[in-house]
Amino acid sequence: MESEHGKGTRFEVYLPSAAGAEEAIATPATIPVLAGRGETVLIAEDEDAVRELASRFLKAAGYTVLSARSGHQALETANAWGKPIHLLLTDMVMAHMRGPDLAARLRRLYPSVKIVYMSGYQDYGAREGAGEEGSSYVQKPFSRDTLLDVIGAALKANSAEEDSQLSAIEAIINVPVKVRRRAPRRSRRPMVV
């Protein structure tokens, strides 16, 4: 310890080296983030900063993003879009229309739309509708990787279901059909009546 009036105090601590200290510390394996394939995600969030951040994350990952600051604006956007909407990312609590109400109304337009609820309230999603079939939940604040993992998993569940339906159709289409061969045509003779 050294101390000088007006300059402060300096402490030096010497610790014995630990065995194996030179070994590299293992870094956790990174989980691959699922990238979008152009799927359309409608974001309904009344907080501008959260909506813009989620939009940036999703666009950078390859998703087509539609944004709305309220449930009513989200429905108007969906009606005007005219193309499939694959997933709704909605806040649980918004003024004038809650997330589950928006999801129910949007499912009338897009029955197969996947829903991801988000909330800043601890465990709010589990109590208020995020447990419904075809929906997921992400806690705010979220990281880019967390959001992309939840969105990717929700869409992957949807595509796995579609893939199994397509496999069944392909199996039906690819069933070998017995080909009937016609005998070579003989020259036709005119009929005498």
C-alpha atoms as a PDB file:
ATOM      1  CA  MET A   1       0.000   0.000   0.000  1.00  0.00           C
ATOM      2  CA  GLU A   2       1.239   3.462  -0.902  1.00  0.00           C
ATOM      3  CA  SER A   3      -0.451   6.663   0.136  1.00  0.00           C
ATOM      4  CA  GLU A   4       0.340  10.288  -0.646  1.00  0.00           C
ATOM      5  CA  HIS A   5      -1.571  13.245   0.644  1.00  0.00           C
ATOM      6  CA  GLY A   6      -3.553  14.853  -2.210  1.00  0.00           C
ATOM      7  CA  LYS A   7      -2.767  12.035  -4.659  1.00  0.00           C
ATOM      8  CA  GLY A   8      -4.673   9.114  -3.150  1.00  0.00           C
ATOM      9  CA  THR A   9      -3.879   5.595  -2.108  1.00  0.00           C
ATOM     10  CA  ARG A  10      -2.643   2.695  -4.193  1.00  0.00           C
ATOM     11  CA  PHE A  11      -3.119  -0.937  -3.227  1.00  0.00           C
ATOM     12  CA  GLU A  12      -1.295  -3.839  -4.808  1.00  0.00           C
ATOM     13  CA  VAL A  13      -2.565  -7.359  -4.197  1.00  0.00           C
ATOM     14  CA  TYR A  14      -0.466 -10.375  -5.149  1.00  0.00           C
ATOM     15  CA  LEU A  15      -2.280 -13.697  -5.444  1.00  0.00           C
ATOM     16  CA  PRO A  16      -0.672 -17.074  -6.043  1.00  0.00           C
ATOM     17  CA  SER A  17      -1.204 -18.432  -9.532  1.00  0.00           C
ATOM     18  CA  ALA A  18      -3.777 -21.163  -9.883  1.00  0.00           C
ATOM     19  CA  ALA A  19      -2.951 -24.504 -11.449  1.00  0.00           C
ATOM     20  CA  GLY A  20      -4.078 -24.586 -15.068  1.00  0.00           C
ATOM     21  CA  ALA A  21      -4.495 -20.818 -15.252  1.00  0.00           C
ATOM     22  CA  GLU A  22      -2.713 -20.736 -18.589  1.00  0.00           C
ATOM     23  CA  GLU A  23      -5.328 -22.990 -20.198  1.00  0.00           C
ATOM     24  CA  ALA A  24      -7.856 -21.282 -22.370  1.00  0.00           C
ATOM     25  CA  ILE A  25     -11.270 -20.826 -20.859  1.00  0.00           C
ATOM     26  CA  ALA A  26     -13.861 -22.780 -22.799  1.00  0.00           C
ATOM     27  CA  THR A  27     -16.288 -20.538 -24.632  1.00  0.00           C
ATOM     28  CA  PRO A  28     -19.875 -21.686 -24.798  1.00  0.00           C
ATOM     29  CA  ALA A  29     -20.963 -23.135 -28.093  1.00  0.00           C
ATOM     30  CA  THR A  30     -23.079 -20.737 -30.063  1.00  0.00           C
ATOM     31  CA  ILE A  31     -26.502 -21.869 -31.084  1.00  0.00           C
ATOM     32  CA  PRO A  32     -27.160 -21.193 -34.752  1.00  0.00           C
ATOM     33  CA  VAL A  33     -29.787 -18.539 -35.292  1.00  0.00           C
ATOM     34  CA  LEU A  34     -32.390 -19.578 -37.817  1.00  0.00           C
ATOM     35  CA  ALA A  35     -32.480 -17.201 -40.747  1.00  0.00           C
ATOM     36  CA  GLY A  36     -35.658 -16.174 -42.461  1.00  0.00           C
ATOM     37  CA  ARG A  37     -36.595 -17.244 -45.952  1.00  0.00           C
ATOM     38  CA  GLY A  38     -38.617 -14.163 -46.816  1.00  0.00           C
ATOM     39  CA  GLU A  39     -41.545 -15.048 -44.547  1.00  0.00           C
ATOM     40  CA  THR A  40     -43.749 -12.093 -43.683  1.00  0.00           C
ATOM     41  CA  VAL A  41     -43.835 -11.015 -40.041  1.00  0.00           C
ATOM     42  CA  LEU A  42     -46.342  -8.429 -38.827  1.00  0.00           C
ATOM     43  CA  ILE A  43     -45.133  -6.571 -35.731  1.00  0.00           C
ATOM     44  CA  ALA A  44     -47.742  -4.908 -33.496  1.00  0.00           C
ATOM     45  CA  GLU A  45     -46.020  -2.922 -30.751  1.00  0.00           C
ATOM     46  CA  ASP A  46     -46.945   0.449 -29.281  1.00  0.00           C
ATOM     47  CA  GLU A  47     -43.405   1.298 -28.113  1.00  0.00           C
ATOM     48  CA  ASP A  48     -41.568   2.801 -31.083  1.00  0.00           C
ATOM     49  CA  ALA A  49     -38.083   1.780 -29.906  1.00  0.00           C
ATOM     50  CA  VAL A  50     -39.053  -1.874 -29.375  1.00  0.00           C
ATOM     51  CA  ARG A  51     -40.940  -2.052 -32.679  1.00  0.00           C
ATOM     52  CA  GLU A  52     -38.059  -0.516 -34.643  1.00  0.00           C
ATOM     53  CA  LEU A  53     -35.453  -2.735 -32.972  1.00  0.00           C
ATOM     54  CA  ALA A  54     -37.445  -5.925 -33.626  1.00  0.00           C
ATOM     55  CA  SER A  55     -38.016  -4.784 -37.203  1.00  0.00           C
ATOM     56  CA  ARG A  56     -34.272  -4.229 -37.748  1.00  0.00           C
ATOM     57  CA  PHE A  57     -33.411  -7.633 -36.277  1.00  0.00           C
ATOM     58  CA  LEU A  58     -35.955  -9.433 -38.457  1.00  0.00           C
ATOM     59  CA  LYS A  59     -35.147  -7.578 -41.691  1.00  0.00           C
ATOM     60  CA  ALA A  60     -31.423  -8.271 -41.212  1.00  0.00           C
ATOM     61  CA  ALA A  61     -32.260 -11.972 -40.802  1.00  0.00           C
ATOM     62  CA  GLY A  62     -34.139 -12.119 -44.122  1.00  0.00           C
ATOM     63  CA  TYR A  63     -37.760 -11.659 -43.080  1.00  0.00           C
ATOM     64  CA  THR A  64     -40.261  -9.360 -44.764  1.00  0.00           C
ATOM     65  CA  VAL A  65     -41.494  -7.044 -42.006  1.00  0.00           C
ATOM     66  CA  LEU A  66     -44.731  -5.086 -41.656  1.00  0.00           C
ATOM     67  CA  SER A  67     -44.978  -2.755 -38.651  1.00  0.00           C
ATOM     68  CA  ALA A  68     -47.931  -1.323 -36.773  1.00  0.00           C
ATOM     69  CA  ARG A  69     -48.143   0.738 -33.596  1.00  0.00           C
ATOM     70  CA  SER A  70     -51.564  -0.562 -32.537  1.00  0.00           C
ATOM     71  CA  GLY A  71     -53.848  -3.539 -32.969  1.00  0.00           C
ATOM     72  CA  HIS A  72     -56.183  -1.571 -35.228  1.00  0.00           C
ATOM     73  CA  GLN A  73     -53.301  -0.424 -37.429  1.00  0.00           C
ATOM     74  CA  ALA A  74     -52.051  -4.025 -37.598  1.00  0.00           C
ATOM     75  CA  LEU A  75     -55.445  -5.207 -38.895  1.00  0.00           C
ATOM     76  CA  GLU A  76     -55.520  -2.394 -41.467  1.00  0.00           C
ATOM     77  CA  THR A  77     -51.985  -3.298 -42.574  1.00  0.00           C
ATOM     78  CA  ALA A  78     -52.927  -6.980 -42.879  1.00  0.00           C
ATOM     79  CA  ASN A  79     -56.038  -6.151 -44.922  1.00  0.00           C
ATOM     80  CA  ALA A  80     -54.045  -3.913 -47.269  1.00  0.00           C
ATOM     81  CA  TRP A  81     -51.119  -6.358 -47.619  1.00  0.00           C
ATOM     82  CA  GLY A  82     -52.979  -8.897 -49.752  1.00  0.00           C
ATOM     83  CA  LYS A  83     -50.271 -11.557 -49.431  1.00  0.00           C
ATOM     84  CA  PRO A  84     -49.731 -14.259 -46.799  1.00  0.00           C
ATOM     85  CA  ILE A  85     -48.656 -13.206 -43.318  1.00  0.00           C
ATOM     86  CA  HIS A  86     -46.766 -16.047 -41.698  1.00  0.00           C
ATOM     87  CA  LEU A  87     -46.320 -14.711 -38.180  1.00  0.00           C
ATOM     88  CA  LEU A  88     -47.675 -12.012 -35.867  1.00  0.00           C
ATOM     89  CA  LEU A  89     -45.250 -10.622 -33.271  1.00  0.00           C
ATOM     90  CA  THR A  90     -47.450  -8.684 -30.868  1.00  0.00           C
ATOM     91  CA  ASP A  91     -47.193  -7.007 -27.516  1.00  0.00           C
ATOM     92  CA  MET A  92     -49.529  -8.541 -24.946  1.00  0.00           C
ATOM     93  CA  VAL A  93     -50.669  -5.158 -23.594  1.00  0.00           C
ATOM     94  CA  MET A  94     -51.464  -2.297 -25.961  1.00  0.00           C
ATOM     95  CA  ALA A  95     -53.964   0.544 -25.741  1.00  0.00           C
ATOM     96  CA  HIS A  96     -57.409  -0.187 -27.253  1.00  0.00           C
ATOM     97  CA  MET A  97     -56.645  -3.819 -28.247  1.00  0.00           C
ATOM     98  CA  ARG A  98     -54.707  -6.481 -26.368  1.00  0.00           C
ATOM     99  CA  GLY A  99     -52.374  -8.876 -28.195  1.00  0.00           C
ATOM    100  CA  PRO A 100     -54.613 -11.972 -27.790  1.00  0.00           C
ATOM    101  CA  ASP A 101     -57.599 -10.014 -29.175  1.00  0.00           C
ATOM    102  CA  LEU A 102     -55.528  -8.931 -32.175  1.00  0.00           C
ATOM    103  CA  ALA A 103     -54.338 -12.514 -32.711  1.00  0.00           C
ATOM    104  CA  ALA A 104     -57.916 -13.837 -32.688  1.00  0.00           C
ATOM    105  CA  ARG A 105     -59.043 -11.227 -35.212  1.00  0.00           C
ATOM    106  CA  LEU A 106     -56.003 -11.755 -37.451  1.00  0.00           C
ATOM    107  CA  ARG A 107     -56.583 -15.531 -37.454  1.00  0.00           C
ATOM    108  CA  ARG A 108     -59.945 -14.898 -39.108  1.00  0.00           C
ATOM    109  CA  LEU A 109     -58.015 -13.450 -42.074  1.00  0.00           C
ATOM    110  CA  TYR A 110     -55.027 -15.810 -41.870  1.00  0.00           C
ATOM    111  CA  PRO A 111     -56.048 -19.065 -40.120  1.00  0.00           C
ATOM    112  CA  SER A 112     -52.543 -20.575 -40.220  1.00  0.00           C
ATOM    113  CA  VAL A 113     -50.692 -17.488 -38.911  1.00  0.00           C
ATOM    114  CA  LYS A 114     -48.289 -18.227 -36.070  1.00  0.00           C
ATOM    115  CA  ILE A 115     -48.356 -15.924 -33.048  1.00  0.00           C
ATOM    116  CA  VAL A 116     -45.458 -14.780 -30.882  1.00  0.00           C
ATOM    117  CA  TYR A 117     -46.485 -12.687 -27.884  1.00  0.00           C
ATOM    118  CA  MET A 118     -44.043 -10.358 -26.151  1.00  0.00           C
ATOM    119  CA  SER A 119     -44.305  -8.573 -22.838  1.00  0.00           C
ATOM    120  CA  GLY A 120     -42.174  -6.687 -20.383  1.00  0.00           C
ATOM    121  CA  TYR A 121     -44.236  -8.051 -17.498  1.00  0.00           C
ATOM    122  CA  GLN A 122     -42.684 -11.106 -15.890  1.00  0.00           C
ATOM    123  CA  ASP A 123     -44.608 -14.316 -16.787  1.00  0.00           C
ATOM    124  CA  TYR A 124     -47.508 -12.313 -18.227  1.00  0.00           C
ATOM    125  CA  GLY A 125     -47.514 -14.323 -21.447  1.00  0.00           C
ATOM    126  CA  ALA A 126     -47.927 -17.656 -19.686  1.00  0.00           C
ATOM    127  CA  ARG A 127     -51.024 -16.380 -17.864  1.00  0.00           C
ATOM    128  CA  GLU A 128     -52.649 -14.378 -20.642  1.00  0.00           C
ATOM    129  CA  GLY A 129     -52.849 -16.457 -23.800  1.00  0.00           C
ATOM    130  CA  ALA A 130     -49.343 -17.335 -24.944  1.00  0.00           C
ATOM    131  CA  GLY A 131     -50.121 -20.951 -24.083  1.00  0.00           C
ATOM    132  CA  GLU A 132     -52.699 -21.250 -26.861  1.00  0.00           C
ATOM    133  CA  GLU A 133     -51.955 -23.583 -29.737  1.00  0.00           C
ATOM    134  CA  GLY A 134     -49.756 -22.101 -32.457  1.00  0.00           C
ATOM    135  CA  SER A 135     -48.335 -19.371 -30.230  1.00  0.00           C
ATOM    136  CA  SER A 136     -45.050 -18.644 -28.467  1.00  0.00           C
ATOM    137  CA  TYR A 137     -43.791 -16.057 -26.006  1.00  0.00           C
ATOM    138  CA  VAL A 138     -40.688 -13.865 -25.726  1.00  0.00           C
ATOM    139  CA  GLN A 139     -39.856 -11.780 -22.644  1.00  0.00           C
ATOM    140  CA  LYS A 140     -38.894  -8.110 -23.147  1.00  0.00           C
ATOM    141  CA  PRO A 141     -36.199  -6.949 -23.200  1.00  0.00           C
ATOM    142  CA  PHE A 142     -34.903  -9.560 -25.631  1.00  0.00           C
ATOM    143  CA  SER A 143     -31.658  -9.997 -27.503  1.00  0.00           C
ATOM    144  CA  ARG A 144     -31.422 -10.380 -31.264  1.00  0.00           C
ATOM    145  CA  ASP A 145     -30.584 -14.072 -30.927  1.00  0.00           C
ATOM    146  CA  THR A 146     -33.442 -14.742 -28.514  1.00  0.00           C
ATOM    147  CA  LEU A 147     -35.980 -13.045 -30.766  1.00  0.00           C
ATOM    148  CA  LEU A 148     -34.716 -14.807 -33.888  1.00  0.00           C
ATOM    149  CA  ASP A 149     -34.682 -18.176 -32.111  1.00  0.00           C
ATOM    150  CA  VAL A 150     -38.305 -17.800 -30.971  1.00  0.00           C
ATOM    151  CA  ILE A 151     -39.489 -16.548 -34.386  1.00  0.00           C
ATOM    152  CA  GLY A 152     -37.528 -19.239 -36.233  1.00  0.00           C
ATOM    153  CA  ALA A 153     -38.848 -22.008 -33.987  1.00  0.00           C
ATOM    154  CA  ALA A 154     -42.445 -20.818 -34.389  1.00  0.00           C
ATOM    155  CA  LEU A 155     -42.115 -20.728 -38.174  1.00  0.00           C
ATOM    156  CA  LYS A 156     -40.218 -24.011 -38.275  1.00  0.00           C
ATOM    157  CA  ALA A 157     -43.063 -25.722 -36.425  1.00  0.00           C
ATOM    158  CA  ASN A 158     -45.376 -24.390 -39.116  1.00  0.00           C
ATOM    159  CA  SER A 159     -43.147 -25.488 -41.981  1.00  0.00           C
ATOM    160  CA  ALA A 160     -42.678 -28.968 -40.467  1.00  0.00           C
ATOM    161  CA  GLU A 161     -46.451 -29.378 -40.456  1.00  0.00           C
ATOM    162  CA  GLU A 162     -46.658 -28.187 -44.072  1.00  0.00           C
ATOM    163  CA  ASP A 163     -43.737 -30.436 -45.063  1.00  0.00           C
ATOM    164  CA  SER A 164     -45.526 -33.487 -43.656  1.00  0.00           C
ATOM    165  CA  GLN A 165     -48.657 -32.547 -45.616  1.00  0.00           C
ATOM    166  CA  LEU A 166     -46.590 -32.091 -48.765  1.00  0.00           C
ATOM    167  CA  SER A 167     -44.878 -35.446 -48.173  1.00  0.00           C
ATOM    168  CA  ALA A 168     -48.263 -37.147 -48.000  1.00  0.00           C
ATOM    169  CA  ILE A 169     -49.339 -35.480 -51.242  1.00  0.00           C
ATOM    170  CA  GLU A 170     -46.051 -36.394 -52.936  1.00  0.00           C
ATOM    171  CA  ALA A 171     -46.455 -39.998 -51.798  1.00  0.00           C
ATOM    172  CA  ILE A 172     -49.876 -40.116 -53.401  1.00  0.00           C
ATOM    173  CA  ILE A 173     -48.633 -38.491 -56.588  1.00  0.00           C
ATOM    174  CA  ASN A 174     -45.612 -40.787 -56.862  1.00  0.00           C
ATOM    175  CA  VAL A 175     -47.563 -44.020 -56.476  1.00  0.00           C
ATOM    176  CA  PRO A 176     -46.618 -46.124 -59.472  1.00  0.00           C
ATOM    177  CA  VAL A 177     -49.478 -46.523 -61.848  1.00  0.00           C
ATOM    178  CA  LYS A 178     -49.703 -49.688 -63.884  1.00  0.00           C
ATOM    179  CA  VAL A 179     -49.096 -48.658 -67.415  1.00  0.00           C
ATOM    180  CA  ARG A 180     -51.263 -50.394 -69.917  1.00  0.00           C
ATOM    181  CA  ARG A 181     -49.560 -50.955 -73.171  1.00  0.00           C
ATOM    182  CA  ARG A 182     -51.580 -51.082 -76.259  1.00  0.00           C
ATOM    183  CA  ALA A 183     -50.826 -53.594 -78.849  1.00  0.00           C
ATOM    184  CA  PRO A 184     -49.421 -52.088 -81.981  1.00  0.00           C
ATOM    185  CA  ARG A 185     -52.151 -50.975 -84.291  1.00  0.00           C
ATOM    186  CA  ARG A 186     -52.713 -53.123 -87.215  1.00  0.00           C
ATOM    187  CA  SER A 187     -53.696 -51.605 -90.388  1.00  0.00           C
ATOM    188  CA  ARG A 188     -57.409 -51.196 -90.344  1.00  0.00           C
ATOM    189  CA  ARG A 189     -59.415 -52.746 -93.027  1.00  0.00           C
ATOM    190  CA  PRO A 190     -62.546 -51.123 -94.216  1.00  0.00           C
ATOM    191  CA  MET A 191     -65.640 -52.800 -92.914  1.00  0.00           C
ATOM    192  CA  VAL A 192     -67.987 -54.268 -95.397  1.00  0.00           C
ATOM    193  CA  VAL A 193     -71.591 -53.725 -94.510  1.00  0.00           C
END
